[in-house]
Amino acid sequence: MQRREFIILGLLLTSAYAYAEMFQTVPEANATLIQSGKDKYTCPNCGMHLVKFYKTSHTHENHQYCSIHCLYEATQGVIPTDAKVVDTITLELIDVKKAFYVVGSKMRGTMSRTSSYAFGSEKDALTFVSDNGGKVMNFEAAYAVASEDFPKDFGKKATAPTVVPVTKIEVPKDAKCPICGMFVAKYPQWVAQFEGEKTFYFDGVKDMMKYAYARKLSSDKFYVSDYYTLSKLEASKAFYVIGSNVYGPMGAELIPFGSQEDAQNFARDHNGQKVISFDEITEAIVKSL
């Protein structure tokens, strides 16, 4: 079997275990990182770990971004001429102008619910579409799709009732989520927290629960933010909406509320599938998001 066939086989095997080992993640030895020093592994826009989200990473002007979403935000909508993107198959950096993007496949996106993966050949892109869905397009079209993330995914917050928060989770500007590496303070309505010997902050309840499950931690040290008021809530006393059309920085989320009524109203207004208590959150639910 030739090297390219081995690579394609590895890609298909990775797809089958997309949650256990995120599809975007590669062994560090296979990742080309252009930054150096303390910033080597960090997306300068959102703080995400570049090895964990390597397959969607882009480079531009000596910076490396975790996704086309962050590239768009960093370039402020001005199409870059010298950008490169990771080829999903070979894992090499290629010129974005020569890449074939598959947008909207069933594979998870990075910083957006609309995934975007690039390929060095149209044949590889079409094979990926056959297995995972999506549409093949050039860089400019994929860049335009990324521009739609901001109002659609989390740039605009859902309309909230007028309530004044009493206390909210105060996040240091440099705090990073221990699960994905994102700068948490950029997304205040999604902040969650663990208070132990050391305090950790998360960019959403989903990553908070991953942290809790991995370490078998009790719920009394976890806090979440009411989506409407940003009030700090004990995680065990909050109500959570799943399956809505409102997405967090890491995609589908468990959206917390201080009252069951607010949660039910939000679910009704935003196509939420279900309102659950903290005790009803399971590892299977978290993995499905």
C-alpha atoms as a PDB file:
ATOM      1  CA  MET A   1       0.000   0.000   0.000  1.00  0.00           C
ATOM      2  CA  GLN A   2       1.388   3.419  -0.962  1.00  0.00           C
ATOM      3  CA  ARG A   3       1.998   6.228   1.533  1.00  0.00           C
ATOM      4  CA  ARG A   4      -0.977   8.259   0.259  1.00  0.00           C
ATOM      5  CA  GLU A   5      -3.318   5.277   0.724  1.00  0.00           C
ATOM      6  CA  PHE A   6      -2.028   4.864   4.277  1.00  0.00           C
ATOM      7  CA  ILE A   7      -2.799   8.533   4.928  1.00  0.00           C
ATOM      8  CA  ILE A   8      -6.341   8.227   3.557  1.00  0.00           C
ATOM      9  CA  LEU A   9      -6.929   5.076   5.628  1.00  0.00           C
ATOM     10  CA  GLY A  10      -5.755   6.933   8.719  1.00  0.00           C
ATOM     11  CA  LEU A  11      -8.152   9.764   7.915  1.00  0.00           C
ATOM     12  CA  LEU A  12     -11.105   7.394   7.720  1.00  0.00           C
ATOM     13  CA  LEU A  13     -10.147   5.683  10.984  1.00  0.00           C
ATOM     14  CA  THR A  14      -9.856   9.064  12.669  1.00  0.00           C
ATOM     15  CA  SER A  15     -13.342   9.970  11.456  1.00  0.00           C
ATOM     16  CA  ALA A  16     -14.778   6.931  13.218  1.00  0.00           C
ATOM     17  CA  TYR A  17     -13.421   8.153  16.541  1.00  0.00           C
ATOM     18  CA  ALA A  18     -14.048  11.859  16.086  1.00  0.00           C
ATOM     19  CA  TYR A  19     -14.998  12.490  19.692  1.00  0.00           C
ATOM     20  CA  ALA A  20     -12.497  10.309  21.542  1.00  0.00           C
ATOM     21  CA  GLU A  21      -9.702  11.986  19.518  1.00  0.00           C
ATOM     22  CA  MET A  22     -11.014  15.148  17.882  1.00  0.00           C
ATOM     23  CA  PHE A  23     -10.910  15.045  14.097  1.00  0.00           C
ATOM     24  CA  GLN A  24      -8.964  18.289  14.029  1.00  0.00           C
ATOM     25  CA  THR A  25      -6.218  16.921  16.309  1.00  0.00           C
ATOM     26  CA  VAL A  26      -2.936  15.390  15.095  1.00  0.00           C
ATOM     27  CA  PRO A  27       0.195  14.128  16.876  1.00  0.00           C
ATOM     28  CA  GLU A  28       2.413  17.131  17.566  1.00  0.00           C
ATOM     29  CA  ALA A  29       5.205  15.573  15.489  1.00  0.00           C
ATOM     30  CA  ASN A  30       2.931  15.847  12.413  1.00  0.00           C
ATOM     31  CA  ALA A  31       2.032  19.495  12.953  1.00  0.00           C
ATOM     32  CA  THR A  32       3.857  22.385  11.297  1.00  0.00           C
ATOM     33  CA  LEU A  33       3.801  25.326  13.714  1.00  0.00           C
ATOM     34  CA  ILE A  34       5.217  28.618  12.420  1.00  0.00           C
ATOM     35  CA  GLN A  35       5.126  30.578  15.684  1.00  0.00           C
ATOM     36  CA  SER A  36       7.801  30.299  18.358  1.00  0.00           C
ATOM     37  CA  GLY A  37       8.358  30.838  22.061  1.00  0.00           C
ATOM     38  CA  LYS A  38       5.417  30.989  24.445  1.00  0.00           C
ATOM     39  CA  ASP A  39       3.020  31.671  21.554  1.00  0.00           C
ATOM     40  CA  LYS A  40       4.021  28.602  19.537  1.00  0.00           C
ATOM     41  CA  TYR A  41       0.899  26.596  20.354  1.00  0.00           C
ATOM     42  CA  THR A  42      -1.654  29.400  20.697  1.00  0.00           C
ATOM     43  CA  CYS A  43      -4.075  30.907  18.197  1.00  0.00           C
ATOM     44  CA  PRO A  44      -3.437  34.668  18.608  1.00  0.00           C
ATOM     45  CA  ASN A  45      -7.114  35.442  18.087  1.00  0.00           C
ATOM     46  CA  CYS A  46      -8.889  33.071  20.480  1.00  0.00           C
ATOM     47  CA  GLY A  47      -6.147  31.240  22.384  1.00  0.00           C
ATOM     48  CA  MET A  48      -7.058  27.750  21.189  1.00  0.00           C
ATOM     49  CA  HIS A  49      -4.343  25.087  21.125  1.00  0.00           C
ATOM     50  CA  LEU A  50      -3.056  24.793  17.548  1.00  0.00           C
ATOM     51  CA  VAL A  51      -2.182  21.102  17.716  1.00  0.00           C
ATOM     52  CA  LYS A  52      -5.655  20.207  19.000  1.00  0.00           C
ATOM     53  CA  PHE A  53      -7.209  22.132  16.097  1.00  0.00           C
ATOM     54  CA  TYR A  54      -4.435  21.638  13.562  1.00  0.00           C
ATOM     55  CA  LYS A  55      -6.426  20.362  10.580  1.00  0.00           C
ATOM     56  CA  THR A  56      -8.350  23.626  10.361  1.00  0.00           C
ATOM     57  CA  SER A  57      -5.429  25.961  11.043  1.00  0.00           C
ATOM     58  CA  HIS A  58      -4.358  28.809   8.740  1.00  0.00           C
ATOM     59  CA  THR A  59      -1.229  30.959   8.650  1.00  0.00           C
ATOM     60  CA  HIS A  60      -0.935  34.635   7.750  1.00  0.00           C
ATOM     61  CA  GLU A  61       1.844  37.204   8.370  1.00  0.00           C
ATOM     62  CA  ASN A  62       3.817  34.978  10.767  1.00  0.00           C
ATOM     63  CA  HIS A  63       0.706  34.125  12.779  1.00  0.00           C
ATOM     64  CA  GLN A  64      -1.099  30.795  12.924  1.00  0.00           C
ATOM     65  CA  TYR A  65      -4.834  30.666  13.547  1.00  0.00           C
ATOM     66  CA  CYS A  66      -6.929  27.691  14.640  1.00  0.00           C
ATOM     67  CA  SER A  67      -9.559  28.208  11.938  1.00  0.00           C
ATOM     68  CA  ILE A  68     -10.748  30.233   8.978  1.00  0.00           C
ATOM     69  CA  HIS A  69     -13.144  31.852  11.465  1.00  0.00           C
ATOM     70  CA  CYS A  70     -10.246  33.325  13.463  1.00  0.00           C
ATOM     71  CA  LEU A  71      -8.372  34.228  10.271  1.00  0.00           C
ATOM     72  CA  TYR A  72     -11.435  36.189   9.130  1.00  0.00           C
ATOM     73  CA  GLU A  73     -11.711  37.991  12.467  1.00  0.00           C
ATOM     74  CA  ALA A  74      -7.981  38.811  12.516  1.00  0.00           C
ATOM     75  CA  THR A  75      -8.005  40.138   8.942  1.00  0.00           C
ATOM     76  CA  GLN A  76     -11.255  42.047   9.558  1.00  0.00           C
ATOM     77  CA  GLY A  77     -12.887  40.823   6.381  1.00  0.00           C
ATOM     78  CA  VAL A  78     -10.026  41.792   4.066  1.00  0.00           C
ATOM     79  CA  ILE A  79      -9.112  38.686   2.055  1.00  0.00           C
ATOM     80  CA  PRO A  80      -5.434  37.884   2.759  1.00  0.00           C
ATOM     81  CA  THR A  81      -3.162  37.236  -0.217  1.00  0.00           C
ATOM     82  CA  ASP A  82      -0.392  35.287   1.507  1.00  0.00           C
ATOM     83  CA  ALA A  83      -2.374  32.884   3.700  1.00  0.00           C
ATOM     84  CA  LYS A  84      -1.810  29.144   3.901  1.00  0.00           C
ATOM     85  CA  VAL A  85      -4.022  26.338   5.182  1.00  0.00           C
ATOM     86  CA  VAL A  86      -3.422  22.789   6.361  1.00  0.00           C
ATOM     87  CA  ASP A  87      -4.165  20.076   3.791  1.00  0.00           C
ATOM     88  CA  THR A  88      -6.463  17.677   5.669  1.00  0.00           C
ATOM     89  CA  ILE A  89      -4.839  14.667   3.992  1.00  0.00           C
ATOM     90  CA  THR A  90      -1.103  15.407   3.932  1.00  0.00           C
ATOM     91  CA  LEU A  91      -1.116  17.799   6.944  1.00  0.00           C
ATOM     92  CA  GLU A  92       1.163  20.132   4.995  1.00  0.00           C
ATOM     93  CA  LEU A  93       0.615  23.890   4.688  1.00  0.00           C
ATOM     94  CA  ILE A  94      -0.599  24.858   1.210  1.00  0.00           C
ATOM     95  CA  ASP A  95      -1.494  28.140  -0.503  1.00  0.00           C
ATOM     96  CA  VAL A  96      -5.154  28.958   0.208  1.00  0.00           C
ATOM     97  CA  LYS A  97      -5.599  30.096  -3.404  1.00  0.00           C
ATOM     98  CA  LYS A  98      -4.752  26.570  -4.588  1.00  0.00           C
ATOM     99  CA  ALA A  99      -6.810  24.760  -1.946  1.00  0.00           C
ATOM    100  CA  PHE A 100     -10.179  23.080  -2.377  1.00  0.00           C
ATOM    101  CA  TYR A 101     -12.342  23.747   0.682  1.00  0.00           C
ATOM    102  CA  VAL A 102     -15.135  21.452   1.843  1.00  0.00           C
ATOM    103  CA  VAL A 103     -17.594  23.566   3.817  1.00  0.00           C
ATOM    104  CA  GLY A 104     -20.547  22.283   5.831  1.00  0.00           C
ATOM    105  CA  SER A 105     -19.589  18.618   6.209  1.00  0.00           C
ATOM    106  CA  LYS A 106     -20.744  16.479   9.130  1.00  0.00           C
ATOM    107  CA  MET A 107     -17.302  16.730  10.722  1.00  0.00           C
ATOM    108  CA  ARG A 108     -17.082  19.162  13.613  1.00  0.00           C
ATOM    109  CA  GLY A 109     -16.116  22.739  12.858  1.00  0.00           C
ATOM    110  CA  THR A 110     -13.623  24.875  14.765  1.00  0.00           C
ATOM    111  CA  MET A 111     -15.019  28.073  16.306  1.00  0.00           C
ATOM    112  CA  SER A 112     -18.169  27.557  14.243  1.00  0.00           C
ATOM    113  CA  ARG A 113     -20.919  25.021  13.709  1.00  0.00           C
ATOM    114  CA  THR A 114     -20.150  25.197   9.957  1.00  0.00           C
ATOM    115  CA  SER A 115     -17.039  23.091   9.396  1.00  0.00           C
ATOM    116  CA  SER A 116     -14.378  24.018   6.850  1.00  0.00           C
ATOM    117  CA  TYR A 117     -11.585  21.661   5.761  1.00  0.00           C
ATOM    118  CA  ALA A 118      -9.070  22.203   2.961  1.00  0.00           C
ATOM    119  CA  PHE A 119      -7.473  19.805   0.487  1.00  0.00           C
ATOM    120  CA  GLY A 120      -4.618  20.086  -1.973  1.00  0.00           C
ATOM    121  CA  SER A 121      -6.471  18.208  -4.698  1.00  0.00           C
ATOM    122  CA  GLU A 122     -10.047  18.348  -5.919  1.00  0.00           C
ATOM    123  CA  LYS A 123     -10.151  14.541  -5.966  1.00  0.00           C
ATOM    124  CA  ASP A 124      -9.407  14.386  -2.216  1.00  0.00           C
ATOM    125  CA  ALA A 125     -12.033  17.046  -1.538  1.00  0.00           C
ATOM    126  CA  LEU A 126     -14.690  15.179  -3.523  1.00  0.00           C
ATOM    127  CA  THR A 127     -13.831  11.911  -1.731  1.00  0.00           C
ATOM    128  CA  PHE A 128     -14.272  13.701   1.597  1.00  0.00           C
ATOM    129  CA  VAL A 129     -17.632  15.093   0.437  1.00  0.00           C
ATOM    130  CA  SER A 130     -18.746  11.602  -0.591  1.00  0.00           C
ATOM    131  CA  ASP A 131     -18.014  10.310   2.921  1.00  0.00           C
ATOM    132  CA  ASN A 132     -18.973  13.325   5.016  1.00  0.00           C
ATOM    133  CA  GLY A 133     -21.151  15.673   2.969  1.00  0.00           C
ATOM    134  CA  GLY A 134     -20.498  19.357   2.449  1.00  0.00           C
ATOM    135  CA  LYS A 135     -19.773  21.504  -0.581  1.00  0.00           C
ATOM    136  CA  VAL A 136     -16.495  22.078  -2.434  1.00  0.00           C
ATOM    137  CA  MET A 137     -15.555  25.730  -2.931  1.00  0.00           C
ATOM    138  CA  ASN A 138     -12.520  27.983  -3.273  1.00  0.00           C
ATOM    139  CA  PHE A 139     -10.923  30.038  -0.501  1.00  0.00           C
ATOM    140  CA  GLU A 140     -12.788  33.258  -1.233  1.00  0.00           C
ATOM    141  CA  ALA A 141     -16.133  31.462  -0.996  1.00  0.00           C
ATOM    142  CA  ALA A 142     -15.131  29.669   2.222  1.00  0.00           C
ATOM    143  CA  TYR A 143     -13.911  33.003   3.650  1.00  0.00           C
ATOM    144  CA  ALA A 144     -17.303  34.531   2.831  1.00  0.00           C
ATOM    145  CA  VAL A 145     -19.067  31.685   4.648  1.00  0.00           C
ATOM    146  CA  ALA A 146     -16.841  32.313   7.686  1.00  0.00           C
ATOM    147  CA  SER A 147     -18.010  35.924   7.707  1.00  0.00           C
ATOM    148  CA  GLU A 148     -21.532  34.689   8.416  1.00  0.00           C
ATOM    149  CA  ASP A 149     -20.453  33.082  11.698  1.00  0.00           C
ATOM    150  CA  PHE A 150     -20.404  36.290  13.659  1.00  0.00           C
ATOM    151  CA  PRO A 151     -24.102  37.226  13.660  1.00  0.00           C
ATOM    152  CA  LYS A 152     -25.256  33.610  13.329  1.00  0.00           C
ATOM    153  CA  ASP A 153     -23.195  31.667  15.848  1.00  0.00           C
ATOM    154  CA  PHE A 154     -22.440  33.876  18.818  1.00  0.00           C
ATOM    155  CA  GLY A 155     -21.844  37.436  17.677  1.00  0.00           C
ATOM    156  CA  LYS A 156     -25.420  38.392  18.564  1.00  0.00           C
ATOM    157  CA  LYS A 157     -26.891  37.294  21.829  1.00  0.00           C
ATOM    158  CA  ALA A 158     -30.507  36.244  22.068  1.00  0.00           C
ATOM    159  CA  THR A 159     -32.920  38.852  23.395  1.00  0.00           C
ATOM    160  CA  ALA A 160     -32.924  38.784  27.175  1.00  0.00           C
ATOM    161  CA  PRO A 161     -35.388  39.792  29.834  1.00  0.00           C
ATOM    162  CA  THR A 162     -34.348  42.873  31.810  1.00  0.00           C
ATOM    163  CA  VAL A 163     -32.735  41.503  34.959  1.00  0.00           C
ATOM    164  CA  VAL A 164     -29.828  43.001  36.890  1.00  0.00           C
ATOM    165  CA  PRO A 165     -27.198  40.397  37.867  1.00  0.00           C
ATOM    166  CA  VAL A 166     -26.088  40.313  41.482  1.00  0.00           C
ATOM    167  CA  THR A 167     -22.748  38.550  41.031  1.00  0.00           C
ATOM    168  CA  LYS A 168     -20.996  37.265  37.955  1.00  0.00           C
ATOM    169  CA  ILE A 169     -17.899  35.165  37.351  1.00  0.00           C
ATOM    170  CA  GLU A 170     -14.934  37.514  37.018  1.00  0.00           C
ATOM    171  CA  VAL A 171     -12.452  36.114  34.531  1.00  0.00           C
ATOM    172  CA  PRO A 172      -8.800  37.213  34.245  1.00  0.00           C
ATOM    173  CA  LYS A 173      -8.070  38.479  30.743  1.00  0.00           C
ATOM    174  CA  ASP A 174      -5.367  35.867  30.197  1.00  0.00           C
ATOM    175  CA  ALA A 175      -7.373  32.895  31.551  1.00  0.00           C
ATOM    176  CA  LYS A 176      -7.551  29.943  29.175  1.00  0.00           C
ATOM    177  CA  CYS A 177      -9.947  27.009  29.129  1.00  0.00           C
ATOM    178  CA  PRO A 178      -7.954  23.924  30.261  1.00  0.00           C
ATOM    179  CA  ILE A 179      -9.831  21.760  27.733  1.00  0.00           C
ATOM    180  CA  CYS A 180      -9.463  23.718  24.473  1.00  0.00           C
ATOM    181  CA  GLY A 181      -7.098  26.570  25.344  1.00  0.00           C
ATOM    182  CA  MET A 182      -9.520  29.349  24.367  1.00  0.00           C
ATOM    183  CA  PHE A 183      -9.347  32.805  25.991  1.00  0.00           C
ATOM    184  CA  VAL A 184     -12.423  32.601  28.201  1.00  0.00           C
ATOM    185  CA  ALA A 185     -12.942  36.309  28.899  1.00  0.00           C
ATOM    186  CA  LYS A 186     -13.804  36.958  25.225  1.00  0.00           C
ATOM    187  CA  TYR A 187     -17.147  35.173  25.650  1.00  0.00           C
ATOM    188  CA  PRO A 188     -18.632  36.275  29.011  1.00  0.00           C
ATOM    189  CA  GLN A 189     -22.111  34.789  28.498  1.00  0.00           C
ATOM    190  CA  TRP A 190     -20.601  31.288  28.287  1.00  0.00           C
ATOM    191  CA  VAL A 191     -18.192  31.391  31.237  1.00  0.00           C
ATOM    192  CA  ALA A 192     -18.074  28.482  33.681  1.00  0.00           C
ATOM    193  CA  GLN A 193     -15.745  28.012  36.632  1.00  0.00           C
ATOM    194  CA  PHE A 194     -14.176  25.415  38.930  1.00  0.00           C
ATOM    195  CA  GLU A 195     -13.115  26.618  42.379  1.00  0.00           C
ATOM    196  CA  GLY A 196     -10.604  24.285  44.014  1.00  0.00           C
ATOM    197  CA  GLU A 197      -7.044  24.678  45.219  1.00  0.00           C
ATOM    198  CA  LYS A 198      -6.644  26.368  41.865  1.00  0.00           C
ATOM    199  CA  THR A 199      -9.429  28.124  39.954  1.00  0.00           C
ATOM    200  CA  PHE A 200     -10.099  27.166  36.337  1.00  0.00           C
ATOM    201  CA  TYR A 201     -12.320  28.891  33.804  1.00  0.00           C
ATOM    202  CA  PHE A 202     -14.142  27.338  30.839  1.00  0.00           C
ATOM    203  CA  ASP A 203     -15.659  28.700  27.621  1.00  0.00           C
ATOM    204  CA  GLY A 204     -18.871  26.761  28.216  1.00  0.00           C
ATOM    205  CA  VAL A 205     -20.617  24.122  30.287  1.00  0.00           C
ATOM    206  CA  LYS A 206     -19.629  21.421  27.777  1.00  0.00           C
ATOM    207  CA  ASP A 207     -15.902  21.838  28.438  1.00  0.00           C
ATOM    208  CA  MET A 208     -16.557  22.229  32.159  1.00  0.00           C
ATOM    209  CA  MET A 209     -18.276  18.849  32.207  1.00  0.00           C
ATOM    210  CA  LYS A 210     -15.440  17.231  30.219  1.00  0.00           C
ATOM    211  CA  TYR A 211     -13.061  18.501  32.897  1.00  0.00           C
ATOM    212  CA  ALA A 212     -15.319  17.195  35.679  1.00  0.00           C
ATOM    213  CA  TYR A 213     -15.752  13.740  34.128  1.00  0.00           C
ATOM    214  CA  ALA A 214     -12.034  13.331  33.452  1.00  0.00           C
ATOM    215  CA  ARG A 215     -11.199  14.066  37.092  1.00  0.00           C
ATOM    216  CA  LYS A 216     -14.348  12.685  38.772  1.00  0.00           C
ATOM    217  CA  LEU A 217     -14.943  15.969  40.610  1.00  0.00           C
ATOM    218  CA  SER A 218     -17.979  16.809  42.713  1.00  0.00           C
ATOM    219  CA  SER A 219     -20.474  19.378  41.485  1.00  0.00           C
ATOM    220  CA  ASP A 220     -20.314  21.693  44.510  1.00  0.00           C
ATOM    221  CA  LYS A 221     -17.179  23.412  43.212  1.00  0.00           C
ATOM    222  CA  PHE A 222     -18.534  24.227  39.752  1.00  0.00           C
ATOM    223  CA  TYR A 223     -20.283  27.431  38.717  1.00  0.00           C
ATOM    224  CA  VAL A 224     -21.942  28.572  35.490  1.00  0.00           C
ATOM    225  CA  SER A 225     -23.246  31.847  34.058  1.00  0.00           C
ATOM    226  CA  ASP A 226     -26.946  32.479  33.540  1.00  0.00           C
ATOM    227  CA  TYR A 227     -27.176  33.014  29.793  1.00  0.00           C
ATOM    228  CA  TYR A 228     -29.460  36.039  30.115  1.00  0.00           C
ATOM    229  CA  THR A 229     -28.113  37.870  33.172  1.00  0.00           C
ATOM    230  CA  LEU A 230     -24.524  36.526  33.435  1.00  0.00           C
ATOM    231  CA  SER A 231     -25.241  35.869  37.125  1.00  0.00           C
ATOM    232  CA  LYS A 232     -22.963  33.335  38.778  1.00  0.00           C
ATOM    233  CA  LEU A 233     -24.935  30.164  39.510  1.00  0.00           C
ATOM    234  CA  GLU A 234     -24.102  26.995  41.362  1.00  0.00           C
ATOM    235  CA  ALA A 235     -23.920  24.452  38.555  1.00  0.00           C
ATOM    236  CA  SER A 236     -25.946  21.909  40.524  1.00  0.00           C
ATOM    237  CA  LYS A 237     -28.877  24.327  40.891  1.00  0.00           C
ATOM    238  CA  ALA A 238     -29.096  25.586  37.295  1.00  0.00           C
ATOM    239  CA  PHE A 239     -31.347  24.401  34.456  1.00  0.00           C
ATOM    240  CA  TYR A 240     -29.867  23.622  31.052  1.00  0.00           C
ATOM    241  CA  VAL A 241     -31.237  23.822  27.513  1.00  0.00           C
ATOM    242  CA  ILE A 242     -29.839  21.378  24.963  1.00  0.00           C
ATOM    243  CA  GLY A 243     -30.337  21.218  21.198  1.00  0.00           C
ATOM    244  CA  SER A 244     -31.196  24.886  20.607  1.00  0.00           C
ATOM    245  CA  ASN A 245     -30.261  26.996  17.581  1.00  0.00           C
ATOM    246  CA  VAL A 246     -27.970  29.183  19.714  1.00  0.00           C
ATOM    247  CA  TYR A 247     -24.328  28.094  19.638  1.00  0.00           C
ATOM    248  CA  GLY A 248     -21.400  28.880  21.916  1.00  0.00           C
ATOM    249  CA  PRO A 249     -17.740  29.443  20.998  1.00  0.00           C
ATOM    250  CA  MET A 250     -17.245  25.665  20.795  1.00  0.00           C
ATOM    251  CA  GLY A 251     -20.482  24.920  18.966  1.00  0.00           C
ATOM    252  CA  ALA A 252     -23.507  23.154  20.469  1.00  0.00           C
ATOM    253  CA  GLU A 253     -23.774  23.795  24.189  1.00  0.00           C
ATOM    254  CA  LEU A 254     -25.605  23.152  27.426  1.00  0.00           C
ATOM    255  CA  ILE A 255     -27.058  26.625  28.017  1.00  0.00           C
ATOM    256  CA  PRO A 256     -27.601  27.451  31.720  1.00  0.00           C
ATOM    257  CA  PHE A 257     -30.366  29.438  33.391  1.00  0.00           C
ATOM    258  CA  GLY A 258     -31.149  30.293  36.984  1.00  0.00           C
ATOM    259  CA  SER A 259     -34.816  29.357  36.710  1.00  0.00           C
ATOM    260  CA  GLN A 260     -36.679  26.579  34.978  1.00  0.00           C
ATOM    261  CA  GLU A 261     -39.124  29.137  33.569  1.00  0.00           C
ATOM    262  CA  ASP A 262     -36.340  31.102  31.819  1.00  0.00           C
ATOM    263  CA  ALA A 263     -34.929  27.866  30.446  1.00  0.00           C
ATOM    264  CA  GLN A 264     -38.303  26.768  29.116  1.00  0.00           C
ATOM    265  CA  ASN A 265     -38.959  30.166  27.537  1.00  0.00           C
ATOM    266  CA  PHE A 266     -35.538  30.117  25.873  1.00  0.00           C
ATOM    267  CA  ALA A 267     -36.117  26.558  24.614  1.00  0.00           C
ATOM    268  CA  ARG A 268     -39.445  27.598  23.127  1.00  0.00           C
ATOM    269  CA  ASP A 269     -37.970  30.656  21.410  1.00  0.00           C
ATOM    270  CA  HIS A 270     -34.831  28.928  20.123  1.00  0.00           C
ATOM    271  CA  ASN A 271     -35.960  25.432  19.181  1.00  0.00           C
ATOM    272  CA  GLY A 272     -34.428  23.811  22.237  1.00  0.00           C
ATOM    273  CA  GLN A 273     -34.945  20.056  22.361  1.00  0.00           C
ATOM    274  CA  LYS A 274     -35.066  19.703  26.124  1.00  0.00           C
ATOM    275  CA  VAL A 275     -34.609  21.399  29.505  1.00  0.00           C
ATOM    276  CA  ILE A 276     -32.646  19.304  32.013  1.00  0.00           C
ATOM    277  CA  SER A 277     -31.283  19.662  35.521  1.00  0.00           C
ATOM    278  CA  PHE A 278     -27.618  19.282  36.387  1.00  0.00           C
ATOM    279  CA  ASP A 279     -28.182  15.751  37.673  1.00  0.00           C
ATOM    280  CA  GLU A 280     -29.630  14.788  34.292  1.00  0.00           C
ATOM    281  CA  ILE A 281     -26.479  15.766  32.411  1.00  0.00           C
ATOM    282  CA  THR A 282     -24.655  12.622  31.355  1.00  0.00           C
ATOM    283  CA  GLU A 283     -21.339  11.959  29.700  1.00  0.00           C
ATOM    284  CA  ALA A 284     -23.251  10.637  26.677  1.00  0.00           C
ATOM    285  CA  ILE A 285     -25.091  13.974  26.333  1.00  0.00           C
ATOM    286  CA  VAL A 286     -21.826  15.912  26.519  1.00  0.00           C
ATOM    287  CA  LYS A 287     -20.218  13.665  23.909  1.00  0.00           C
ATOM    288  CA  SER A 288     -23.178  14.176  21.566  1.00  0.00           C
ATOM    289  CA  LEU A 289     -22.746  17.969  21.487  1.00  0.00           C
END
